[in-house]
């Protein structure tokens, strides 16, 4: 699924560049870089948790979960389109990206978080070790 999304995003970007409907200035680059940094930190923090067979009940593909919000934010930020569609894409992207960020970084709404065989505040301390 992730590779299909990349192909579609690439096709849409090439088409938009030909029609001069693609914006990718320094603001868009910084914002997309920041979003990708959050995904990388989430992946690093949850790498050991998801690989542990004792915690198989919460394992999921983090990159596929972040795919849809990232693509909707990318299209909403970098493409020239009608204002209503742009707002819809940005609202959907912000809310789903925010939810997934909270879910993967601090265990927001995760019913299995208290059942993990991890020390207290494992994700928080692992995040502090990065910084």
Protein backbone atom coordinates (compact mmCIF):
# COMPACT_ATOMS: atom_id res chain seq x y z
CA UNK A 1 0.00 0.00 0.00
CA UNK A 2 2.83 2.39 0.84
CA UNK A 3 4.46 1.96 -2.59
CA UNK A 4 1.14 2.58 -4.37
CA UNK A 5 0.75 5.82 -2.43
CA UNK A 6 4.27 6.92 -3.38
CA UNK A 7 3.60 6.20 -7.07
CA UNK A 8 0.31 8.14 -6.97
CA UNK A 9 1.91 11.06 -5.14
CA UNK A 10 4.76 11.10 -7.65
CA UNK A 11 2.35 11.07 -10.60
CA UNK A 12 0.24 13.86 -9.12
CA UNK A 13 3.35 15.92 -8.37
CA UNK A 14 4.68 15.59 -11.92
CA UNK A 15 1.29 16.51 -13.36
CA UNK A 16 0.98 19.52 -11.02
CA UNK A 17 4.50 20.71 -11.89
CA UNK A 18 3.60 20.72 -15.59
CA UNK A 19 0.46 22.75 -14.83
CA UNK A 20 2.29 25.13 -12.42
CA UNK A 21 0.00 24.03 -9.58
CA UNK A 22 2.72 22.76 -7.23
CA UNK A 23 4.18 24.87 -4.42
CA UNK A 24 7.29 23.61 -2.65
CA UNK A 25 9.08 26.58 -1.13
CA UNK A 26 11.13 26.76 2.04
CA UNK A 27 8.04 26.82 4.29
CA UNK A 28 6.63 23.65 2.74
CA UNK A 29 10.02 21.92 2.91
CA UNK A 30 10.48 22.80 6.59
CA UNK A 31 6.97 21.66 7.52
CA UNK A 32 7.22 18.36 5.65
CA UNK A 33 10.69 17.77 7.12
CA UNK A 34 9.30 18.35 10.63
CA UNK A 35 6.44 15.91 10.00
CA UNK A 36 8.87 13.27 8.72
CA UNK A 37 11.06 13.87 11.79
CA UNK A 38 8.06 13.13 14.04
CA UNK A 39 7.43 9.89 12.13
CA UNK A 40 11.12 8.92 12.51
CA UNK A 41 11.07 9.61 16.27
CA UNK A 42 7.84 7.61 16.62
CA UNK A 43 9.40 4.72 14.73
CA UNK A 44 12.54 4.82 16.89
CA UNK A 45 10.60 4.96 20.17
CA UNK A 46 8.30 2.06 19.19
CA UNK A 47 10.85 -0.13 17.38
CA UNK A 48 11.53 -2.43 20.33
CA UNK A 49 7.94 -2.45 21.56
CA UNK A 50 6.53 -3.63 18.24
CA UNK A 51 9.26 -6.19 17.67
CA UNK A 52 8.71 -7.84 21.07
CA UNK A 53 6.58 -11.00 20.65
CA UNK A 54 5.03 -10.50 24.11
CA UNK A 55 3.42 -7.32 22.80
CA UNK A 56 2.11 -8.76 19.54
CA UNK A 57 -1.38 -7.50 20.35
CA UNK A 58 -0.37 -3.89 19.60
CA UNK A 59 2.12 -4.44 16.80
CA UNK A 60 1.21 -2.64 13.63
CA UNK A 61 2.94 -1.10 10.69
CA UNK A 62 3.70 2.42 11.86
CA UNK A 63 4.70 3.67 8.42
CA UNK A 64 1.45 2.53 6.82
CA UNK A 65 -0.53 4.15 9.62
CA UNK A 66 1.17 7.51 9.00
CA UNK A 67 0.85 7.23 5.20
CA UNK A 68 -2.66 8.61 4.75
CA UNK A 69 -2.29 11.68 7.02
CA UNK A 70 1.11 12.51 5.51
CA UNK A 71 -0.21 12.33 1.96
CA UNK A 72 -3.27 14.41 2.81
CA UNK A 73 -1.05 17.04 4.48
CA UNK A 74 1.36 16.96 1.54
CA UNK A 75 -1.40 17.51 -1.00
CA UNK A 76 -3.07 20.15 1.17
CA UNK A 77 0.16 22.08 1.74
CA UNK A 78 1.92 21.78 -1.60
CA UNK A 79 -0.82 21.78 -4.26
CA UNK A 80 -2.92 24.59 -5.66
CA UNK A 81 -6.56 23.47 -5.39
CA UNK A 82 -9.96 24.83 -4.38
CA UNK A 83 -10.01 26.30 -0.88
CA UNK A 84 -12.69 23.93 0.44
CA UNK A 85 -10.77 20.82 -0.69
CA UNK A 86 -7.53 22.21 0.72
CA UNK A 87 -9.19 22.85 4.09
CA UNK A 88 -10.72 19.37 4.11
CA UNK A 89 -7.37 17.71 3.36
CA UNK A 90 -5.55 19.80 5.96
CA UNK A 91 -8.17 19.20 8.66
CA UNK A 92 -8.19 15.44 8.04
CA UNK A 93 -4.39 15.33 7.93
CA UNK A 94 -3.88 17.39 11.08
CA UNK A 95 -6.38 15.44 13.17
CA UNK A 96 -5.26 11.97 12.06
CA UNK A 97 -1.56 12.86 12.24
CA UNK A 98 -2.07 14.34 15.70
CA UNK A 99 -3.94 11.28 16.91
CA UNK A 100 -1.30 8.88 15.57
CA UNK A 101 1.49 10.99 17.04
CA UNK A 102 -0.15 10.88 20.46
CA UNK A 103 -0.84 7.17 20.07
CA UNK A 104 2.72 6.21 19.17
CA UNK A 105 4.65 8.65 21.34
CA UNK A 106 2.74 8.51 24.63
CA UNK A 107 0.26 5.64 24.23
CA UNK A 108 -2.82 7.84 23.86
CA UNK A 109 -6.01 5.67 23.77
CA UNK A 110 -4.01 2.48 23.65
CA UNK A 111 -5.85 -0.13 25.76
CA UNK A 112 -2.78 -2.37 25.96
CA UNK A 113 -0.34 0.28 27.17
CA UNK A 114 -0.69 -0.68 30.83
CA UNK A 115 -0.13 -4.37 29.99
CA UNK A 116 3.27 -3.95 28.35
CA UNK A 117 6.28 -5.46 30.04
CA UNK A 118 8.12 -2.15 30.12
CA UNK A 119 9.31 0.20 32.84
CA UNK A 120 7.12 3.17 33.71
CA UNK A 121 7.36 6.03 31.18
CA UNK A 122 9.44 3.90 28.81
CA UNK A 123 8.52 5.89 25.69
CA UNK A 124 9.03 9.22 27.45
CA UNK A 125 12.50 8.32 28.72
CA UNK A 126 13.48 6.87 25.36
CA UNK A 127 12.37 10.13 23.74
CA UNK A 128 14.44 12.13 26.24
CA UNK A 129 17.49 10.01 25.45
CA UNK A 130 17.21 11.10 21.81
CA UNK A 131 17.31 14.74 22.81
